[in-house]
Amino acid sequence: MGRARRLNGIPARFDLSNWEMLVSLKELLFNAMPLWDANLYLRFGQERTQAALDLAGHIELDRPRRIVDLGCGPGNSTAVLRARWPEAEITGLDRSPEMLAEARRAWHDCRWIEGDIANWSAAEPCDLLFSNAALQWVHGHALLIPHLLEQVAPGGALAVQVPMHFDSPLHRRMREFALDARWRERMGPAFNALVRERPEFYYDLLAPRSARLRIWETEYMQPMDSPAAILDFIRGTGLRPYLEALADDTERALYLELLADAVAHDYPPRPNGKVLFPFRRLFFIAYR
């Protein structure tokens, strides 16, 4: 929604003109991964990549030589970085060998490493450490975030985006129905799967350690075809721990039925028939 714009050298339509390549890559990847549904994920591919474009567009570094993309997945966020800084040495890190295999097949001009963000350290300081929608899955941010900033060379930056929509009606309903007596004893891991720190936490953590700090939130007003489309969107990401905690397909169907009725109530259709799904994300860029 809104006018197309250019963000610090990234064409506003980069995500559209390169989308066929990203779609082909993810189809190969997710068809081989039973925990992910390729068609479901790709249905909202543009929405999922827009935050990476926005984060990269606000980084004030002219020519970073060494860039690391933490939680790179199949390489879609890494492609954003390559478009912004075509001459940089770029490394993508992810814990999934399947994702990295697809990234290697699609982009030959990047280095790909299998590893866990929780215990990663740079072999040598990087000019830009970038992470888009990955750190919410890694606990211990009070120690993790300062450690990541220490991996950045003087004059470089740590740039991060994490979802910040845990107070949304959707997430409140997910937690509410997870307390159903039929399965609440198994929901502990789901309740604790995602990190839910506030913007003030990151500001207080990074301000004394940074030469300069930018922190902001953006709420993306995502038009959806129906309330069911909202569930399709979240099933590929934040809803997964809840579905995995349920015993079988029967329990999953019951849980999703409860959630679908509530989502239809909480997200009413607009006059044109679409449903607006606000999705808040937190961004911060800390410069050393």
C-alpha atoms as a PDB file:
ATOM      1  CA  MET A   1       0.000   0.000   0.000  1.00  0.00           C
ATOM      2  CA  GLY A   2       1.280   3.518  -0.724  1.00  0.00           C
ATOM      3  CA  ARG A   3       3.613   4.904  -3.357  1.00  0.00           C
ATOM      4  CA  ALA A   4       6.633   3.029  -4.611  1.00  0.00           C
ATOM      5  CA  ARG A   5       9.865   4.530  -3.359  1.00  0.00           C
ATOM      6  CA  ARG A   6      13.623   3.998  -3.516  1.00  0.00           C
ATOM      7  CA  LEU A   7      15.370   3.149  -0.236  1.00  0.00           C
ATOM      8  CA  ASN A   8      19.076   4.036  -0.140  1.00  0.00           C
ATOM      9  CA  GLY A   9      19.823   2.614  -3.561  1.00  0.00           C
ATOM     10  CA  ILE A  10      17.401  -0.332  -3.539  1.00  0.00           C
ATOM     11  CA  PRO A  11      14.813  -0.107  -6.306  1.00  0.00           C
ATOM     12  CA  ALA A  12      11.322  -0.075  -4.824  1.00  0.00           C
ATOM     13  CA  ARG A  13      10.291  -2.908  -7.141  1.00  0.00           C
ATOM     14  CA  PHE A  14      13.292  -5.133  -6.426  1.00  0.00           C
ATOM     15  CA  ASP A  15      11.071  -7.581  -4.574  1.00  0.00           C
ATOM     16  CA  LEU A  16       8.726  -7.884  -7.539  1.00  0.00           C
ATOM     17  CA  SER A  17      11.220  -8.087 -10.378  1.00  0.00           C
ATOM     18  CA  ASN A  18      13.211 -10.835  -8.634  1.00  0.00           C
ATOM     19  CA  TRP A  19      10.268 -12.684  -7.171  1.00  0.00           C
ATOM     20  CA  GLU A  20      10.056 -15.459  -9.778  1.00  0.00           C
ATOM     21  CA  MET A  21      13.581 -16.558  -8.873  1.00  0.00           C
ATOM     22  CA  LEU A  22      12.787 -16.565  -5.148  1.00  0.00           C
ATOM     23  CA  VAL A  23       9.553 -18.492  -5.737  1.00  0.00           C
ATOM     24  CA  SER A  24      11.342 -21.175  -7.762  1.00  0.00           C
ATOM     25  CA  LEU A  25      13.979 -21.516  -5.036  1.00  0.00           C
ATOM     26  CA  LYS A  26      11.488 -21.861  -2.214  1.00  0.00           C
ATOM     27  CA  GLU A  27       9.341 -24.339  -4.119  1.00  0.00           C
ATOM     28  CA  LEU A  28      12.339 -26.669  -4.330  1.00  0.00           C
ATOM     29  CA  LEU A  29      13.163 -26.122  -0.667  1.00  0.00           C
ATOM     30  CA  PHE A  30       9.827 -26.430   1.057  1.00  0.00           C
ATOM     31  CA  ASN A  31       8.501 -29.310  -1.028  1.00  0.00           C
ATOM     32  CA  ALA A  32      11.299 -31.343   0.598  1.00  0.00           C
ATOM     33  CA  MET A  33      10.517 -30.134   4.137  1.00  0.00           C
ATOM     34  CA  PRO A  34       7.369 -31.576   5.718  1.00  0.00           C
ATOM     35  CA  LEU A  35       7.302 -28.913   8.436  1.00  0.00           C
ATOM     36  CA  TRP A  36       6.856 -26.209   5.790  1.00  0.00           C
ATOM     37  CA  ASP A  37       4.217 -25.823   3.098  1.00  0.00           C
ATOM     38  CA  ALA A  38       5.710 -24.246  -0.014  1.00  0.00           C
ATOM     39  CA  ASN A  39       2.452 -22.980  -1.495  1.00  0.00           C
ATOM     40  CA  LEU A  40       1.329 -21.624   1.856  1.00  0.00           C
ATOM     41  CA  TYR A  41       4.602 -19.790   2.462  1.00  0.00           C
ATOM     42  CA  LEU A  42       4.899 -18.388  -1.044  1.00  0.00           C
ATOM     43  CA  ARG A  43       1.347 -17.089  -1.066  1.00  0.00           C
ATOM     44  CA  PHE A  44       2.636 -14.259   1.126  1.00  0.00           C
ATOM     45  CA  GLY A  45       6.189 -14.094  -0.151  1.00  0.00           C
ATOM     46  CA  GLN A  46       6.187 -10.374  -0.878  1.00  0.00           C
ATOM     47  CA  GLU A  47       4.879  -9.546   2.610  1.00  0.00           C
ATOM     48  CA  ARG A  48       7.544 -11.719   4.223  1.00  0.00           C
ATOM     49  CA  THR A  49      10.432 -10.105   2.312  1.00  0.00           C
ATOM     50  CA  GLN A  50       9.339  -6.463   2.519  1.00  0.00           C
ATOM     51  CA  ALA A  51      10.834  -5.986   5.991  1.00  0.00           C
ATOM     52  CA  ALA A  52      14.259  -7.148   4.762  1.00  0.00           C
ATOM     53  CA  LEU A  53      14.081  -4.554   1.992  1.00  0.00           C
ATOM     54  CA  ASP A  54      13.094  -1.842   4.461  1.00  0.00           C
ATOM     55  CA  LEU A  55      15.828  -2.749   6.939  1.00  0.00           C
ATOM     56  CA  ALA A  56      18.535  -2.845   4.261  1.00  0.00           C
ATOM     57  CA  GLY A  57      17.310   0.451   2.884  1.00  0.00           C
ATOM     58  CA  HIS A  58      17.883   2.257   6.183  1.00  0.00           C
ATOM     59  CA  ILE A  59      21.456   1.071   6.774  1.00  0.00           C
ATOM     60  CA  GLU A  60      23.860   3.992   6.386  1.00  0.00           C
ATOM     61  CA  LEU A  61      26.940   2.169   5.164  1.00  0.00           C
ATOM     62  CA  ASP A  62      28.339   3.053   1.755  1.00  0.00           C
ATOM     63  CA  ARG A  63      30.582   0.093   0.961  1.00  0.00           C
ATOM     64  CA  PRO A  64      30.715  -2.595   3.606  1.00  0.00           C
ATOM     65  CA  ARG A  65      33.322  -5.144   2.556  1.00  0.00           C
ATOM     66  CA  ARG A  66      32.237  -8.050   4.730  1.00  0.00           C
ATOM     67  CA  ILE A  67      28.543  -8.835   5.401  1.00  0.00           C
ATOM     68  CA  VAL A  68      27.006 -11.735   7.361  1.00  0.00           C
ATOM     69  CA  ASP A  69      23.299 -12.619   7.104  1.00  0.00           C
ATOM     70  CA  LEU A  70      22.260 -14.492  10.267  1.00  0.00           C
ATOM     71  CA  GLY A  71      19.328 -16.846   9.769  1.00  0.00           C
ATOM     72  CA  CYS A  72      19.554 -16.456   6.010  1.00  0.00           C
ATOM     73  CA  GLY A  73      17.172 -19.331   5.210  1.00  0.00           C
ATOM     74  CA  PRO A  74      17.114 -20.119   1.490  1.00  0.00           C
ATOM     75  CA  GLY A  75      18.840 -16.831   0.709  1.00  0.00           C
ATOM     76  CA  ASN A  76      15.999 -14.392   0.002  1.00  0.00           C
ATOM     77  CA  SER A  77      17.222 -11.824   2.531  1.00  0.00           C
ATOM     78  CA  THR A  78      20.780 -12.389   1.321  1.00  0.00           C
ATOM     79  CA  ALA A  79      19.606 -11.514  -2.195  1.00  0.00           C
ATOM     80  CA  VAL A  80      18.393  -8.173  -0.848  1.00  0.00           C
ATOM     81  CA  LEU A  81      21.868  -7.518   0.567  1.00  0.00           C
ATOM     82  CA  ARG A  82      23.536  -8.522  -2.715  1.00  0.00           C
ATOM     83  CA  ALA A  83      21.314  -6.078  -4.614  1.00  0.00           C
ATOM     84  CA  ARG A  84      22.215  -3.264  -2.230  1.00  0.00           C
ATOM     85  CA  TRP A  85      25.964  -3.979  -2.043  1.00  0.00           C
ATOM     86  CA  PRO A  86      26.969  -5.956  -5.156  1.00  0.00           C
ATOM     87  CA  GLU A  87      30.706  -5.775  -4.443  1.00  0.00           C
ATOM     88  CA  ALA A  88      30.602  -7.022  -0.842  1.00  0.00           C
ATOM     89  CA  GLU A  89      31.787 -10.394   0.422  1.00  0.00           C
ATOM     90  CA  ILE A  90      28.536 -11.863   1.770  1.00  0.00           C
ATOM     91  CA  THR A  91      28.116 -14.901   4.023  1.00  0.00           C
ATOM     92  CA  GLY A  92      24.790 -16.488   4.895  1.00  0.00           C
ATOM     93  CA  LEU A  93      24.456 -18.552   8.071  1.00  0.00           C
ATOM     94  CA  ASP A  94      21.600 -20.913   8.884  1.00  0.00           C
ATOM     95  CA  ARG A  95      21.139 -24.053  10.979  1.00  0.00           C
ATOM     96  CA  SER A  96      19.174 -25.874   8.256  1.00  0.00           C
ATOM     97  CA  PRO A  97      21.320 -27.814   5.750  1.00  0.00           C
ATOM     98  CA  GLU A  98      18.324 -28.077   3.397  1.00  0.00           C
ATOM     99  CA  MET A  99      17.934 -24.312   3.270  1.00  0.00           C
ATOM    100  CA  LEU A 100      21.635 -23.796   2.705  1.00  0.00           C
ATOM    101  CA  ALA A 101      21.688 -26.358  -0.098  1.00  0.00           C
ATOM    102  CA  GLU A 102      19.030 -24.391  -1.957  1.00  0.00           C
ATOM    103  CA  ALA A 103      20.788 -21.097  -1.264  1.00  0.00           C
ATOM    104  CA  ARG A 104      24.022 -22.482  -2.715  1.00  0.00           C
ATOM    105  CA  ARG A 105      22.220 -23.639  -5.854  1.00  0.00           C
ATOM    106  CA  ALA A 106      20.574 -20.272  -6.395  1.00  0.00           C
ATOM    107  CA  TRP A 107      23.388 -17.850  -5.507  1.00  0.00           C
ATOM    108  CA  HIS A 108      26.952 -18.805  -6.341  1.00  0.00           C
ATOM    109  CA  ASP A 109      28.527 -15.480  -5.400  1.00  0.00           C
ATOM    110  CA  CYS A 110      27.896 -15.821  -1.646  1.00  0.00           C
ATOM    111  CA  ARG A 111      29.426 -18.021   1.038  1.00  0.00           C
ATOM    112  CA  TRP A 112      27.070 -20.296   2.973  1.00  0.00           C
ATOM    113  CA  ILE A 113      27.742 -21.687   6.463  1.00  0.00           C
ATOM    114  CA  GLU A 114      25.732 -24.111   8.566  1.00  0.00           C
ATOM    115  CA  GLY A 115      25.596 -22.961  12.165  1.00  0.00           C
ATOM    116  CA  ASP A 116      23.503 -21.889  15.129  1.00  0.00           C
ATOM    117  CA  ILE A 117      23.157 -18.171  15.835  1.00  0.00           C
ATOM    118  CA  ALA A 118      23.133 -18.924  19.576  1.00  0.00           C
ATOM    119  CA  ASN A 119      26.805 -19.955  19.594  1.00  0.00           C
ATOM    120  CA  TRP A 120      28.152 -18.222  16.472  1.00  0.00           C
ATOM    121  CA  SER A 121      31.168 -15.915  16.451  1.00  0.00           C
ATOM    122  CA  ALA A 122      32.749 -14.215  13.465  1.00  0.00           C
ATOM    123  CA  ALA A 123      36.142 -15.505  12.302  1.00  0.00           C
ATOM    124  CA  GLU A 124      37.011 -11.843  11.730  1.00  0.00           C
ATOM    125  CA  PRO A 125      34.975  -8.682  12.372  1.00  0.00           C
ATOM    126  CA  CYS A 126      32.302  -7.922   9.782  1.00  0.00           C
ATOM    127  CA  ASP A 127      31.234  -4.521   8.516  1.00  0.00           C
ATOM    128  CA  LEU A 128      27.543  -5.424   8.557  1.00  0.00           C
ATOM    129  CA  LEU A 129      25.800  -8.063  10.630  1.00  0.00           C
ATOM    130  CA  PHE A 130      22.243  -8.442   9.336  1.00  0.00           C
ATOM    131  CA  SER A 131      19.332 -10.525  10.608  1.00  0.00           C
ATOM    132  CA  ASN A 132      15.775 -10.466   9.287  1.00  0.00           C
ATOM    133  CA  ALA A 133      13.036 -12.285  11.246  1.00  0.00           C
ATOM    134  CA  ALA A 134      15.371 -14.856  12.802  1.00  0.00           C
ATOM    135  CA  LEU A 135      16.509 -13.718  16.255  1.00  0.00           C
ATOM    136  CA  GLN A 136      13.025 -14.136  17.756  1.00  0.00           C
ATOM    137  CA  TRP A 137      13.733 -17.889  17.684  1.00  0.00           C
ATOM    138  CA  VAL A 138      16.981 -17.519  19.699  1.00  0.00           C
ATOM    139  CA  HIS A 139      16.692 -17.001  23.458  1.00  0.00           C
ATOM    140  CA  GLY A 140      18.956 -15.051  25.791  1.00  0.00           C
ATOM    141  CA  HIS A 141      18.982 -11.669  24.052  1.00  0.00           C
ATOM    142  CA  ALA A 142      20.522  -9.913  27.071  1.00  0.00           C
ATOM    143  CA  LEU A 143      23.742 -11.774  26.251  1.00  0.00           C
ATOM    144  CA  LEU A 144      23.210 -12.518  22.561  1.00  0.00           C
ATOM    145  CA  ILE A 145      22.712  -8.972  21.268  1.00  0.00           C
ATOM    146  CA  PRO A 146      25.862  -7.477  22.895  1.00  0.00           C
ATOM    147  CA  HIS A 147      27.825 -10.500  21.669  1.00  0.00           C
ATOM    148  CA  LEU A 148      26.609  -9.938  18.118  1.00  0.00           C
ATOM    149  CA  LEU A 149      27.542  -6.261  18.271  1.00  0.00           C
ATOM    150  CA  GLU A 150      31.047  -7.285  19.353  1.00  0.00           C
ATOM    151  CA  GLN A 151      31.397  -9.208  16.074  1.00  0.00           C
ATOM    152  CA  VAL A 152      31.075  -5.924  14.138  1.00  0.00           C
ATOM    153  CA  ALA A 153      34.134  -3.908  13.105  1.00  0.00           C
ATOM    154  CA  PRO A 154      34.458  -0.270  14.234  1.00  0.00           C
ATOM    155  CA  GLY A 155      32.338   1.886  11.943  1.00  0.00           C
ATOM    156  CA  GLY A 156      30.146  -1.078  11.023  1.00  0.00           C
ATOM    157  CA  ALA A 157      26.585  -1.938  12.004  1.00  0.00           C
ATOM    158  CA  LEU A 158      24.346  -4.589  13.526  1.00  0.00           C
ATOM    159  CA  ALA A 159      20.954  -4.444  11.737  1.00  0.00           C
ATOM    160  CA  VAL A 160      18.036  -6.524  13.021  1.00  0.00           C
ATOM    161  CA  GLN A 161      14.327  -6.985  12.367  1.00  0.00           C
ATOM    162  CA  VAL A 162      12.106  -9.126  14.579  1.00  0.00           C
ATOM    163  CA  PRO A 163       8.305  -9.510  14.667  1.00  0.00           C
ATOM    164  CA  MET A 164       6.645  -7.453  17.396  1.00  0.00           C
ATOM    165  CA  HIS A 165       2.992  -8.424  17.035  1.00  0.00           C
ATOM    166  CA  PHE A 166       2.637 -10.636  20.097  1.00  0.00           C
ATOM    167  CA  ASP A 167      -0.062  -8.387  21.607  1.00  0.00           C
ATOM    168  CA  SER A 168      -2.183  -8.627  18.465  1.00  0.00           C
ATOM    169  CA  PRO A 169      -5.672 -10.138  18.646  1.00  0.00           C
ATOM    170  CA  LEU A 170      -4.348 -13.125  16.695  1.00  0.00           C
ATOM    171  CA  HIS A 171      -1.600 -13.946  19.187  1.00  0.00           C
ATOM    172  CA  ARG A 172      -3.895 -13.416  22.154  1.00  0.00           C
ATOM    173  CA  ARG A 173      -6.288 -15.953  20.644  1.00  0.00           C
ATOM    174  CA  MET A 174      -3.468 -18.402  19.949  1.00  0.00           C
ATOM    175  CA  ARG A 175      -2.496 -18.305  23.628  1.00  0.00           C
ATOM    176  CA  GLU A 176      -6.110 -18.369  24.806  1.00  0.00           C
ATOM    177  CA  PHE A 177      -6.998 -21.545  22.931  1.00  0.00           C
ATOM    178  CA  ALA A 178      -3.692 -23.165  23.831  1.00  0.00           C
ATOM    179  CA  LEU A 179      -4.980 -23.175  27.428  1.00  0.00           C
ATOM    180  CA  ASP A 180      -7.796 -25.554  26.520  1.00  0.00           C
ATOM    181  CA  ALA A 181      -7.850 -28.394  29.064  1.00  0.00           C
ATOM    182  CA  ARG A 182      -7.474 -30.976  26.299  1.00  0.00           C
ATOM    183  CA  TRP A 183      -3.881 -29.970  25.544  1.00  0.00           C
ATOM    184  CA  ARG A 184      -2.680 -27.153  27.804  1.00  0.00           C
ATOM    185  CA  GLU A 185      -0.256 -29.462  29.674  1.00  0.00           C
ATOM    186  CA  ARG A 186       1.708 -29.851  26.429  1.00  0.00           C
ATOM    187  CA  MET A 187       1.834 -26.177  25.481  1.00  0.00           C
ATOM    188  CA  GLY A 188       4.791 -25.068  27.586  1.00  0.00           C
ATOM    189  CA  PRO A 189       7.301 -25.172  24.702  1.00  0.00           C
ATOM    190  CA  ALA A 190       4.883 -23.265  22.447  1.00  0.00           C
ATOM    191  CA  PHE A 191       4.392 -20.475  24.998  1.00  0.00           C
ATOM    192  CA  ASN A 192       8.167 -20.074  25.294  1.00  0.00           C
ATOM    193  CA  ALA A 193       9.173 -20.615  21.664  1.00  0.00           C
ATOM    194  CA  LEU A 194       9.500 -16.944  20.698  1.00  0.00           C
ATOM    195  CA  VAL A 195      11.426 -14.104  22.336  1.00  0.00           C
ATOM    196  CA  ARG A 196       9.105 -11.232  23.317  1.00  0.00           C
ATOM    197  CA  GLU A 197      11.319  -8.362  24.442  1.00  0.00           C
ATOM    198  CA  ARG A 198      10.107  -4.752  24.195  1.00  0.00           C
ATOM    199  CA  PRO A 199      11.789  -1.944  22.200  1.00  0.00           C
ATOM    200  CA  GLU A 200      12.940  -0.334  25.465  1.00  0.00           C
ATOM    201  CA  PHE A 201      14.885  -3.501  26.282  1.00  0.00           C
ATOM    202  CA  TYR A 202      16.933  -3.218  23.092  1.00  0.00           C
ATOM    203  CA  TYR A 203      17.434   0.516  23.489  1.00  0.00           C
ATOM    204  CA  ASP A 204      18.737   0.149  27.049  1.00  0.00           C
ATOM    205  CA  LEU A 205      20.948  -2.755  25.968  1.00  0.00           C
ATOM    206  CA  LEU A 206      22.472  -1.108  22.905  1.00  0.00           C
ATOM    207  CA  ALA A 207      22.564   2.641  23.625  1.00  0.00           C
ATOM    208  CA  PRO A 208      25.590   2.493  25.962  1.00  0.00           C
ATOM    209  CA  ARG A 209      27.392   0.103  23.600  1.00  0.00           C
ATOM    210  CA  SER A 210      26.765   1.916  20.301  1.00  0.00           C
ATOM    211  CA  ALA A 211      28.271   4.965  18.660  1.00  0.00           C
ATOM    212  CA  ARG A 212      24.825   5.555  17.149  1.00  0.00           C
ATOM    213  CA  LEU A 213      21.538   3.725  17.439  1.00  0.00           C
ATOM    214  CA  ARG A 214      18.326   3.790  15.407  1.00  0.00           C
ATOM    215  CA  ILE A 215      15.296   1.899  16.641  1.00  0.00           C
ATOM    216  CA  TRP A 216      11.772   1.979  15.256  1.00  0.00           C
ATOM    217  CA  GLU A 217       8.633  -0.019  14.686  1.00  0.00           C
ATOM    218  CA  THR A 218       6.588  -0.370  11.517  1.00  0.00           C
ATOM    219  CA  GLU A 219       3.093  -1.779  11.399  1.00  0.00           C
ATOM    220  CA  TYR A 220       2.420  -3.273   7.990  1.00  0.00           C
ATOM    221  CA  MET A 221      -1.250  -3.119   7.039  1.00  0.00           C
ATOM    222  CA  GLN A 222      -1.495  -6.318   5.031  1.00  0.00           C
ATOM    223  CA  PRO A 223      -4.695  -6.754   2.993  1.00  0.00           C
ATOM    224  CA  MET A 224      -5.802 -10.388   3.074  1.00  0.00           C
ATOM    225  CA  ASP A 225      -8.468 -12.113   1.027  1.00  0.00           C
ATOM    226  CA  SER A 226     -10.218 -13.502   4.118  1.00  0.00           C
ATOM    227  CA  PRO A 227      -9.738 -14.347   7.810  1.00  0.00           C
ATOM    228  CA  ALA A 228      -8.674 -17.812   6.642  1.00  0.00           C
ATOM    229  CA  ALA A 229      -5.790 -16.178   4.776  1.00  0.00           C
ATOM    230  CA  ILE A 230      -4.549 -14.718   8.075  1.00  0.00           C
ATOM    231  CA  LEU A 231      -4.365 -18.225   9.489  1.00  0.00           C
ATOM    232  CA  ASP A 232      -2.556 -19.400   6.364  1.00  0.00           C
ATOM    233  CA  PHE A 233      -0.034 -16.598   6.861  1.00  0.00           C
ATOM    234  CA  ILE A 234       0.705 -17.407  10.503  1.00  0.00           C
ATOM    235  CA  ARG A 235       0.662 -21.200  10.105  1.00  0.00           C
ATOM    236  CA  GLY A 236       3.995 -21.018   8.286  1.00  0.00           C
ATOM    237  CA  THR A 237       5.732 -19.204  11.158  1.00  0.00           C
ATOM    238  CA  GLY A 238       4.501 -18.231  14.624  1.00  0.00           C
ATOM    239  CA  LEU A 239       1.699 -20.805  14.816  1.00  0.00           C
ATOM    240  CA  ARG A 240       4.036 -23.743  14.154  1.00  0.00           C
ATOM    241  CA  PRO A 241       5.083 -24.331  17.812  1.00  0.00           C
ATOM    242  CA  TYR A 242       1.423 -24.555  18.865  1.00  0.00           C
ATOM    243  CA  LEU A 243       0.538 -27.001  16.101  1.00  0.00           C
ATOM    244  CA  GLU A 244       3.621 -29.099  16.816  1.00  0.00           C
ATOM    245  CA  ALA A 245       2.626 -29.370  20.505  1.00  0.00           C
ATOM    246  CA  LEU A 246      -0.696 -30.978  19.604  1.00  0.00           C
ATOM    247  CA  ALA A 247      -0.886 -34.762  19.575  1.00  0.00           C
ATOM    248  CA  ASP A 248      -2.334 -35.450  16.139  1.00  0.00           C
ATOM    249  CA  ASP A 249      -4.254 -34.071  13.183  1.00  0.00           C
ATOM    250  CA  THR A 250      -7.548 -34.338  15.078  1.00  0.00           C
ATOM    251  CA  GLU A 251      -6.331 -32.020  17.819  1.00  0.00           C
ATOM    252  CA  ARG A 252      -4.829 -29.648  15.251  1.00  0.00           C
ATOM    253  CA  ALA A 253      -8.144 -29.465  13.410  1.00  0.00           C
ATOM    254  CA  LEU A 254      -9.995 -28.690  16.666  1.00  0.00           C
ATOM    255  CA  TYR A 255      -7.493 -26.000  17.639  1.00  0.00           C
ATOM    256  CA  LEU A 256      -7.594 -24.390  14.186  1.00  0.00           C
ATOM    257  CA  GLU A 257     -11.404 -24.437  14.201  1.00  0.00           C
ATOM    258  CA  LEU A 258     -11.471 -22.501  17.478  1.00  0.00           C
ATOM    259  CA  LEU A 259      -8.888 -20.076  16.149  1.00  0.00           C
ATOM    260  CA  ALA A 260     -10.644 -19.599  12.793  1.00  0.00           C
ATOM    261  CA  ASP A 261     -13.931 -18.582  14.443  1.00  0.00           C
ATOM    262  CA  ALA A 262     -12.150 -16.058  16.665  1.00  0.00           C
ATOM    263  CA  VAL A 263     -10.080 -14.596  13.828  1.00  0.00           C
ATOM    264  CA  ALA A 264     -13.235 -14.097  11.742  1.00  0.00           C
ATOM    265  CA  HIS A 265     -14.672 -12.095  14.637  1.00  0.00           C
ATOM    266  CA  ASP A 266     -11.517 -10.072  15.374  1.00  0.00           C
ATOM    267  CA  TYR A 267     -10.669  -9.172  11.772  1.00  0.00           C
ATOM    268  CA  PRO A 268     -13.900  -8.115  10.022  1.00  0.00           C
ATOM    269  CA  PRO A 269     -14.003  -7.555   6.254  1.00  0.00           C
ATOM    270  CA  ARG A 270     -13.596  -4.069   4.784  1.00  0.00           C
ATOM    271  CA  PRO A 271     -16.152  -2.653   2.317  1.00  0.00           C
ATOM    272  CA  ASN A 272     -14.213  -4.147  -0.608  1.00  0.00           C
ATOM    273  CA  GLY A 273     -14.291  -7.619   0.951  1.00  0.00           C
ATOM    274  CA  LYS A 274     -10.631  -7.662   1.990  1.00  0.00           C
ATOM    275  CA  VAL A 275      -9.472  -8.131   5.579  1.00  0.00           C
ATOM    276  CA  LEU A 276      -6.727  -5.918   6.998  1.00  0.00           C
ATOM    277  CA  PHE A 277      -4.113  -7.798   9.018  1.00  0.00           C
ATOM    278  CA  PRO A 278      -1.842  -5.364  10.904  1.00  0.00           C
ATOM    279  CA  PHE A 279       1.596  -6.861  11.491  1.00  0.00           C
ATOM    280  CA  ARG A 280       4.026  -4.933  13.684  1.00  0.00           C
ATOM    281  CA  ARG A 281       7.793  -5.378  13.342  1.00  0.00           C
ATOM    282  CA  LEU A 282      10.697  -3.953  15.330  1.00  0.00           C
ATOM    283  CA  PHE A 283      13.865  -2.692  13.649  1.00  0.00           C
ATOM    284  CA  PHE A 284      17.137  -1.543  15.128  1.00  0.00           C
ATOM    285  CA  ILE A 285      20.495  -0.576  13.668  1.00  0.00           C
ATOM    286  CA  ALA A 286      23.412  -0.182  16.076  1.00  0.00           C
ATOM    287  CA  TYR A 287      26.623   1.369  14.738  1.00  0.00           C
ATOM    288  CA  ARG A 288      30.009   0.740  16.341  1.00  0.00           C
END
